[in-house]
Protein backbone atom coordinates (compact mmCIF):
# COMPACT_ATOMS: atom_id res chain seq x y z
CA MET A 1 90.82 136.97 107.25
CA ASP A 2 90.43 139.88 104.38
CA ARG A 3 88.31 138.29 101.80
CA ASP A 4 86.05 139.28 99.44
CA PHE A 5 82.27 138.35 100.48
CA VAL A 6 80.46 138.95 97.28
CA ASP A 7 78.31 135.93 96.33
CA ARG A 8 79.80 133.84 98.71
CA GLU A 9 77.74 131.92 101.49
CA ARG A 10 77.78 133.78 104.69
CA THR A 11 78.97 131.53 107.17
CA LEU A 12 79.08 131.17 111.07
CA ILE A 13 81.67 128.58 112.57
CA VAL A 14 81.29 126.72 116.01
CA GLY A 15 84.02 125.02 117.58
CA VAL A 16 84.16 123.13 120.90
CA GLU A 17 87.50 123.27 123.30
CA LEU A 18 87.92 120.21 125.36
CA ALA A 19 90.60 120.05 128.16
CA THR A 20 91.81 116.89 126.40
CA ASP A 21 92.34 118.75 122.94
CA THR A 22 96.00 118.39 121.59
CA ILE A 23 95.10 120.90 118.85
CA ASP A 24 95.01 124.59 119.53
CA ILE A 25 91.43 125.54 119.21
CA GLU A 26 92.01 128.87 117.29
CA ASN A 27 94.49 127.50 114.86
CA SER A 28 91.82 124.64 114.18
CA MET A 29 89.10 127.32 113.56
CA ASP A 30 91.39 129.15 111.31
CA GLU A 31 91.88 126.12 109.12
CA LEU A 32 87.93 125.73 109.39
CA GLU A 33 87.65 129.02 108.19
CA GLU A 34 90.19 128.27 105.21
CA LEU A 35 88.03 124.99 104.44
CA VAL A 36 84.87 127.24 104.27
CA TYR A 37 86.49 129.75 102.03
CA ALA A 38 87.46 126.62 99.68
CA ALA A 39 83.86 125.56 99.56
CA GLY A 40 82.75 128.93 98.26
CA GLY A 41 81.61 130.50 101.77
CA SER A 42 82.90 133.48 103.77
CA VAL A 43 83.16 133.23 107.66
CA VAL A 44 81.12 136.14 109.11
CA SER A 45 81.70 135.20 112.70
CA ARG A 46 82.82 132.37 114.78
CA VAL A 47 81.74 130.93 118.27
CA VAL A 48 83.90 128.81 120.61
CA GLN A 49 82.52 126.84 123.67
CA LYS A 50 84.88 125.27 126.51
CA ARG A 51 83.14 122.03 127.68
CA ALA A 52 84.17 119.12 130.00
CA SER A 53 82.75 116.95 127.31
CA ILE A 54 80.51 116.69 124.16
CA ASN A 55 76.83 116.99 124.89
CA PRO A 56 75.50 113.73 123.10
CA ALA A 57 72.15 115.41 121.80
CA TYR A 58 73.45 118.87 120.60
CA PHE A 59 77.22 118.54 120.55
CA ILE A 60 77.33 121.86 122.09
CA GLY A 61 75.08 123.07 124.88
CA ARG A 62 71.29 123.65 124.61
CA GLY A 63 71.49 127.18 125.64
CA LYS A 64 74.60 127.76 123.16
CA ALA A 65 72.36 126.58 120.12
CA LYS A 66 69.88 129.11 120.93
CA GLU A 67 72.45 131.59 121.14
CA ILE A 68 73.74 130.76 117.76
CA LYS A 69 70.47 130.98 116.39
CA ASN A 70 70.03 134.81 117.41
CA TYR A 71 73.49 135.40 115.91
CA CYS A 72 72.13 133.80 112.62
CA ASP A 73 69.28 136.09 112.64
CA GLU A 74 71.29 139.22 113.37
CA LEU A 75 74.15 138.58 111.04
CA GLU A 76 71.93 137.07 108.00
CA ILE A 77 73.80 133.87 108.10
CA ASN A 78 72.91 131.15 105.66
CA THR A 79 75.13 128.43 107.12
CA VAL A 80 76.66 127.03 110.33
CA VAL A 81 79.35 124.82 110.05
CA PHE A 82 80.68 122.74 113.13
CA ASN A 83 84.44 122.08 113.38
CA ASP A 84 83.91 118.15 113.94
CA GLU A 85 81.59 115.40 112.68
CA LEU A 86 78.03 115.57 113.87
CA SER A 87 75.88 112.25 114.41
CA GLY A 88 72.45 112.31 112.44
CA ALA A 89 70.54 113.16 115.70
CA GLN A 90 72.72 116.01 116.75
CA LEU A 91 72.28 117.45 112.92
CA ARG A 92 68.45 116.99 113.47
CA ASN A 93 68.44 118.51 117.06
CA LEU A 94 70.76 121.78 115.97
CA GLU A 95 68.55 122.21 112.98
CA GLU A 96 65.37 122.43 115.15
CA ILE A 97 66.69 124.99 117.26
CA ILE A 98 68.98 127.00 115.11
CA ASP A 99 66.64 126.79 112.05
CA HIS A 100 69.63 127.11 109.54
CA LYS A 101 71.42 124.69 107.52
CA ILE A 102 73.93 122.70 109.47
CA VAL A 103 77.29 121.42 108.04
CA ASP A 104 79.72 119.51 109.88
CA ARG A 105 83.62 119.49 109.08
CA THR A 106 83.49 115.87 107.57
CA ASN A 107 80.56 117.09 105.29
CA LEU A 108 82.28 120.54 104.36
CA ILE A 109 85.64 118.52 103.41
CA LEU A 110 83.39 116.02 101.13
CA ASP A 111 81.53 118.88 99.66
CA ILE A 112 84.84 120.58 98.61
CA PHE A 113 86.03 117.11 97.15
CA ALA A 114 82.77 116.89 95.20
CA ASN A 115 83.47 120.26 93.81
CA ARG A 116 87.10 119.70 92.99
CA ALA A 117 87.11 115.98 91.43
CA THR A 118 87.70 115.94 87.85
CA SER A 119 88.73 112.48 86.90
CA LYS A 120 85.87 109.83 86.65
CA GLU A 121 87.29 107.75 89.44
CA GLY A 122 87.94 110.71 91.68
CA LYS A 123 83.88 111.63 91.30
CA LEU A 124 83.05 108.02 92.12
CA GLN A 125 85.52 107.89 95.26
CA VAL A 126 83.85 110.99 96.30
CA LYS A 127 80.24 110.06 95.70
CA LEU A 128 81.01 106.77 97.57
CA ALA A 129 82.36 108.60 100.55
CA GLN A 130 79.33 111.00 100.56
CA LEU A 131 76.56 108.11 100.59
CA LYS A 132 78.53 106.08 103.25
CA TYR A 133 78.49 109.48 105.28
CA ARG A 134 75.00 110.43 104.55
CA LEU A 135 73.26 107.09 105.03
CA PRO A 136 72.96 107.16 108.67
CA ARG A 137 72.21 110.82 108.54
CA LEU A 138 69.21 110.95 106.10
CA VAL A 139 66.87 112.00 108.67
CA GLY A 140 69.10 114.90 109.77
CA PHE A 141 69.75 116.02 106.13
CA ARG A 142 66.06 116.02 104.88
CA ASP A 143 64.89 119.35 106.18
CA TYR A 144 67.84 121.59 104.39
CA LEU A 145 68.50 119.35 101.46
CA SER A 146 64.65 119.95 100.59
CA ARG A 147 65.25 123.99 100.62
CA GLU A 148 66.03 125.84 97.52
CA GLY A 149 69.34 127.22 96.90
CA GLY A 150 71.70 124.53 97.37
CA GLY A 151 75.22 125.48 98.42
CA ILE A 152 77.61 124.65 100.71
CA GLY A 153 77.26 120.67 101.89
CA THR A 154 74.41 119.85 99.39
CA ARG A 155 76.66 118.92 96.35
CA GLY A 156 76.97 115.62 95.12
CA PRO A 157 74.08 113.16 95.84
CA GLY A 158 71.12 115.21 95.75
CA GLU A 159 67.96 115.17 97.69
CA GLN A 160 65.90 112.69 95.37
CA LYS A 161 68.84 109.98 95.78
CA LEU A 162 68.80 110.65 99.58
CA GLU A 163 64.95 110.59 99.96
CA THR A 164 64.79 106.82 98.42
CA ASP A 165 65.00 104.03 100.48
CA ARG A 166 68.30 102.84 102.18
CA ARG A 167 68.23 99.70 99.94
CA HIS A 168 68.50 101.58 96.91
CA ILE A 169 71.43 103.95 98.53
CA LEU A 170 73.36 100.64 99.44
CA ARG A 171 72.71 99.23 95.71
CA GLU A 172 74.27 102.25 94.56
CA ILE A 173 77.34 102.08 96.99
CA ASP A 174 77.66 98.33 95.81
CA ASN A 175 77.71 99.49 92.04
CA ILE A 176 80.29 102.50 92.86
CA GLU A 177 82.53 99.89 94.63
CA LYS A 178 82.54 97.66 91.57
CA ALA A 179 83.27 100.53 89.37
CA LEU A 180 86.28 101.55 91.54
CA LYS A 181 87.78 97.99 91.61
CA GLU A 182 87.53 97.85 87.56
CA ALA A 183 89.30 101.41 87.78
CA GLU A 184 92.03 99.81 90.31
CA LYS A 185 92.53 97.27 87.71
CA ALA A 186 93.13 99.88 84.99
CA ARG A 187 95.51 101.55 87.28
CA GLY A 188 97.26 98.31 87.89
CA ILE A 189 98.00 98.05 84.46
CA LYS A 190 99.43 101.58 84.12
CA ARG A 191 101.42 100.95 86.91
CA LYS A 192 102.91 97.56 85.14
CA ARG A 193 104.03 99.78 82.62
CA ARG A 194 105.76 102.27 85.01
CA GLU A 195 107.51 99.29 86.52
CA ASP A 196 108.72 98.02 83.19
CA SER A 197 110.33 101.21 82.31
CA ASN A 198 112.49 100.82 85.42
CA LEU A 199 111.87 104.59 85.96
CA PRO A 200 112.13 105.17 90.15
CA ILE A 201 109.11 106.60 91.34
CA VAL A 202 109.11 109.43 93.77
CA ALA A 203 105.96 110.49 95.82
CA LEU A 204 105.17 113.65 97.23
CA VAL A 205 102.90 113.21 100.35
CA GLY A 206 101.88 116.06 102.99
CA TYR A 207 99.38 118.39 104.15
CA THR A 208 97.33 120.22 101.71
CA ASN A 209 98.41 123.46 100.75
CA ALA A 210 101.94 122.53 101.75
CA GLY A 211 103.24 123.30 98.25
CA LYS A 212 103.51 119.89 96.82
CA SER A 213 102.10 120.96 93.25
CA THR A 214 104.42 123.82 93.18
CA LEU A 215 107.47 121.63 94.20
CA LEU A 216 106.44 119.32 91.17
CA ASN A 217 106.22 122.00 88.75
CA ARG A 218 109.60 123.42 89.84
CA ILE A 219 111.21 119.70 89.69
CA ILE A 220 109.90 119.41 86.16
CA GLU A 221 110.77 122.80 85.14
CA MET A 222 114.66 121.77 85.82
CA ASN A 223 114.12 118.95 83.15
CA ASP A 224 115.64 119.68 79.73
CA GLU A 225 112.54 118.01 78.02
CA TYR A 226 110.26 120.33 80.14
CA LYS A 227 106.97 121.67 78.56
CA GLU A 228 104.72 124.16 79.71
CA SER A 229 101.58 121.98 79.35
CA LYS A 230 102.97 119.76 81.91
CA LYS A 231 102.71 121.86 84.78
CA VAL A 232 99.96 121.17 87.22
CA PHE A 233 97.38 123.60 88.74
CA VAL A 234 98.74 125.84 91.48
CA TYR A 235 96.38 127.90 93.85
CA ASP A 236 96.96 129.20 97.28
CA MET A 237 94.02 127.24 98.80
CA LEU A 238 93.15 123.92 100.60
CA PHE A 239 92.68 121.14 98.27
CA ALA A 240 93.14 123.02 95.03
CA THR A 241 93.94 119.73 93.42
CA LEU A 242 92.62 116.29 94.14
CA ASP A 243 93.46 114.17 91.19
CA THR A 244 96.98 112.40 91.37
CA SER A 245 99.36 113.94 88.92
CA LEU A 246 102.38 111.87 87.55
CA ARG A 247 105.18 113.85 85.57
CA LYS A 248 108.90 112.89 84.67
CA GLY A 249 111.88 114.52 86.18
CA LYS A 250 115.60 114.13 85.98
CA LEU A 251 118.25 113.40 88.46
CA PRO A 252 121.93 115.11 88.58
CA ASN A 253 123.42 111.97 87.02
CA GLY A 254 120.92 112.32 84.03
CA GLN A 255 118.72 109.53 85.27
CA GLY A 256 115.12 110.25 84.84
CA PHE A 257 112.43 109.55 87.59
CA LEU A 258 108.83 109.52 88.02
CA LEU A 259 107.21 112.23 90.45
CA THR A 260 103.73 111.45 91.52
CA ASP A 261 101.56 114.15 93.59
CA THR A 262 98.81 112.79 95.90
CA VAL A 263 95.64 114.38 97.77
CA GLY A 264 96.91 116.49 100.52
CA PHE A 265 95.87 115.61 103.85
CA VAL A 266 94.24 117.44 106.75
CA SER A 267 93.54 117.25 110.72
CA LYS A 268 90.47 115.28 111.16
CA LEU A 269 90.45 114.03 107.50
CA PRO A 270 87.20 111.98 107.46
CA THR A 271 87.55 108.32 107.79
CA HIS A 272 85.00 107.91 104.68
CA LEU A 273 87.48 109.90 102.63
CA ILE A 274 90.60 108.05 103.57
CA GLU A 275 88.84 104.83 102.78
CA ALA A 276 87.49 105.87 99.57
CA PHE A 277 90.74 107.25 98.34
CA LYS A 278 92.83 104.56 99.58
CA GLY A 279 92.82 103.22 96.00
CA THR A 280 94.78 106.15 94.91
CA LEU A 281 96.71 106.48 97.95
CA GLU A 282 97.91 103.44 97.45
CA GLU A 283 100.23 104.47 94.82
CA VAL A 284 102.27 105.74 97.61
CA GLN A 285 102.93 102.00 98.35
CA TYR A 286 104.70 101.48 95.14
CA ALA A 287 106.91 104.59 95.32
CA ASP A 288 110.75 104.07 95.82
CA LEU A 289 111.08 107.28 97.95
CA LEU A 290 108.60 109.68 99.78
CA LEU A 291 109.03 113.40 99.98
CA HIS A 292 106.98 114.45 102.89
CA VAL A 293 106.51 118.32 102.06
CA VAL A 294 105.88 120.28 105.07
CA ASP A 295 104.88 124.12 105.20
CA ALA A 296 107.70 125.55 107.33
CA SER A 297 105.92 128.96 107.98
CA ASN A 298 102.76 127.20 109.41
CA GLU A 299 102.42 127.49 113.02
CA ASP A 300 100.85 123.90 113.92
CA LEU A 301 103.88 122.38 112.11
CA ASP A 302 104.07 119.53 114.42
CA ILE A 303 100.58 118.49 114.39
CA GLN A 304 100.67 118.57 110.41
CA ILE A 305 103.73 116.56 110.56
CA GLU A 306 102.02 114.06 112.77
CA THR A 307 98.70 113.96 110.82
CA THR A 308 100.55 113.13 107.60
CA ASN A 309 102.71 110.43 109.53
CA ARG A 310 99.40 108.98 110.88
CA ILE A 311 97.91 108.52 107.37
CA LEU A 312 101.17 107.09 106.16
CA GLN A 313 101.08 104.31 108.83
CA GLU A 314 97.83 103.51 108.15
CA LEU A 315 99.06 102.68 104.46
CA ASP A 316 101.87 100.83 105.81
CA VAL A 317 104.85 102.72 104.05
CA LEU A 318 106.65 104.25 106.85
CA ASP A 319 109.53 101.83 106.13
CA LYS A 320 110.21 103.56 102.92
CA PRO A 321 113.06 106.19 102.53
CA ILE A 322 111.59 109.67 103.66
CA ILE A 323 112.78 112.93 103.19
CA THR A 324 111.17 115.67 105.11
CA VAL A 325 111.16 118.89 102.87
CA PHE A 326 110.50 122.07 104.71
CA ASN A 327 109.17 124.30 102.03
CA LYS A 328 108.18 128.06 102.09
CA MET A 329 111.37 128.70 103.82
CA ASP A 330 111.13 132.29 102.29
CA LYS A 331 108.67 133.05 104.47
CA VAL A 332 110.39 131.93 107.82
CA ASP A 333 113.69 132.50 109.67
CA ILE A 334 115.22 129.10 110.07
CA SER A 335 116.84 130.16 113.36
CA ASN A 336 113.25 130.38 114.29
CA LEU A 337 112.11 127.06 113.07
CA ILE A 338 111.15 124.63 116.03
CA PHE A 339 109.76 121.13 115.40
CA LYS A 340 109.82 117.63 117.08
CA ASN A 341 112.46 115.48 115.51
CA ARG A 342 110.27 112.35 116.37
CA TYR A 343 109.15 111.85 112.96
CA VAL A 344 111.92 113.69 111.00
CA ASP A 345 115.14 111.78 110.07
CA LYS A 346 116.56 113.12 106.67
CA LYS A 347 115.56 116.76 105.88
CA ILE A 348 116.13 119.46 103.75
CA PHE A 349 114.88 123.22 103.75
CA ILE A 350 113.53 124.68 100.52
CA SER A 351 111.62 127.45 98.84
CA SER A 352 109.90 126.05 95.92
CA LYS A 353 108.45 129.59 95.19
CA ASN A 354 112.09 131.32 95.02
CA MET A 355 113.81 127.94 93.83
CA ILE A 356 116.19 127.48 96.98
CA ASN A 357 117.74 124.45 97.66
CA LEU A 358 116.18 122.66 94.78
CA ASP A 359 119.40 121.50 93.40
CA LYS A 360 120.32 120.07 96.61
CA LEU A 361 117.05 118.32 96.85
CA LEU A 362 117.48 116.48 93.71
CA ASP A 363 120.98 115.30 94.96
CA MET A 364 119.18 113.91 98.29
CA ILE A 365 116.55 111.93 95.96
CA GLN A 366 119.54 110.64 93.85
CA GLU A 367 121.38 109.46 97.04
CA ASN A 368 118.29 108.25 98.85
CA LEU A 369 116.75 105.98 95.78
CA PRO A 370 117.15 102.35 96.58
CA GLN A 371 118.66 101.94 92.90
CA GLN A 372 122.18 102.09 92.63
CA TYR A 373 123.92 103.52 89.33
CA ARG A 374 126.98 102.62 87.39
CA ASP A 375 129.26 104.33 84.63
CA VAL A 376 129.16 102.09 81.57
CA LYS A 377 130.21 102.11 77.95
CA LEU A 378 127.47 100.02 75.98
CA LEU A 379 127.75 98.68 72.35
CA ILE A 380 124.31 98.16 71.09
CA PRO A 381 124.04 96.34 67.47
CA TYR A 382 122.28 98.10 64.91
CA ASP A 383 119.76 95.04 64.80
CA LYS A 384 118.69 96.19 68.34
CA GLN A 385 118.19 100.26 67.87
CA GLY A 386 115.26 99.68 69.79
CA LEU A 387 117.40 99.37 73.15
CA THR A 388 119.32 102.60 71.77
CA SER A 389 116.27 104.45 71.84
CA TYR A 390 115.24 103.03 75.41
CA PHE A 391 118.61 104.56 76.74
CA LEU A 392 118.13 107.77 74.94
CA GLU A 393 114.86 108.30 76.27
CA ASN A 394 115.62 107.03 80.03
CA TYR A 395 119.10 108.30 80.65
CA ASP A 396 121.37 111.35 80.02
CA VAL A 397 123.94 110.01 77.44
CA GLU A 398 127.09 111.04 77.84
CA TYR A 399 128.02 110.55 74.42
CA ILE A 400 127.08 108.74 71.09
CA GLU A 401 129.66 107.09 68.54
CA TYR A 402 128.38 105.15 65.53
CA ARG A 403 130.64 102.08 64.67
CA GLN A 404 130.99 99.67 62.17
CA ASP A 405 129.66 96.93 64.53
CA GLY A 406 126.98 98.89 66.36
CA THR A 407 126.09 102.08 68.21
CA GLU A 408 128.33 102.89 71.28
CA LEU A 409 126.74 104.73 74.39
CA GLY A 410 128.35 106.23 77.37
CA LEU A 411 126.18 106.63 80.50
CA ASN A 412 125.16 105.97 83.96
CA ILE A 413 122.32 103.35 84.52
CA ASN A 414 120.62 101.77 87.57
CA GLN A 415 121.46 98.39 88.71
CA MET A 416 118.54 96.57 87.25
CA ASP A 417 119.56 97.67 83.72
CA TYR A 418 123.07 97.02 84.29
CA GLU A 419 122.37 93.37 85.23
CA ARG A 420 119.51 92.95 82.28
CA TYR A 421 121.79 94.31 79.53
CA SER A 422 125.32 93.26 80.86
CA LYS A 423 125.99 91.50 77.63
CA TYR A 424 126.26 94.94 75.68
CA ILE A 425 128.88 96.27 78.12
CA ILE A 426 132.30 97.19 76.81
């Protein structure tokens, strides 16, 4: 990977290959390297050890730990990142031998999230996950948290907080959980408003860096009411965006719909993080349709699809209509695209970047939304002009005519509005 090392933390990454592994170790290490880059580091070297089982004291072999110590001294390494979650004892034992900062995959991901979260709720969720992760590992963390320089794995709750007694940390966890419950109430009020608008909700889900945010931007660009300020941040990096985005799109029949983006997934996503972000991820449970966005050019296509579906299963949403959107088809020949059909039913092949098949995707969204639509003519009395505004805002009105007895509208409306406003149908 040809990347600029200037001002980046020099890192060595370590992985263990077991005979029982289902994920290719090299691809997993490549992903870890991307995570390190996202956290502000550059990988100088990598070490992979084949083992029959994990060493309970050192994760790797003691001899391999000594080798890594020598590599660190020779290559001027700042940080050693392990590709799995380490126990407190393993952290402590490894640091004693290697004598450099040790960060595991879980702490690395938490660190990225701490640096990227922008909303108040997002920051609280990350802090909660960090405290729950670090609480049983306080002893293993003490040495490197007391060193100068900070860097990867040290963002979020600092040394002083982690050096206080466990009761204080548990009290802080309790306070954060209460604050998140308040945030959940506020989110529930916003959700009720969205439900009252009768606009169907489509949720983008999938692996991080699969192109969800780019797709969201492209879809809202196709909306007549599109404004540049509505675009969401896009960057070619794992976890470039964390906070949920909600934008309005328009279907081919003129019906408006809400499009929501969610935090991306990754293999070995920390349990603490899934738990902490469950409040935000629960937004998926209120969606009418899911778009599972997949990076078609990724070699670990099946692993990424299975990872996403496992998390969707945890959220109990696999019974919802799901369209698998194979994105980045500009990078791959469709004849060479191979994937298991186990989790794939309805599918489409697109390129958000090159605007390929986005019109067909909108057709599929329209066909698979549970709400049905009808062509109607409505006559709205002049003393009910608030209803006229509602239809003009939420539907693509084919025509409008001002008559003596009211405003006549021609449009295609959903079944709920058809039943609700049936007395105005002419």
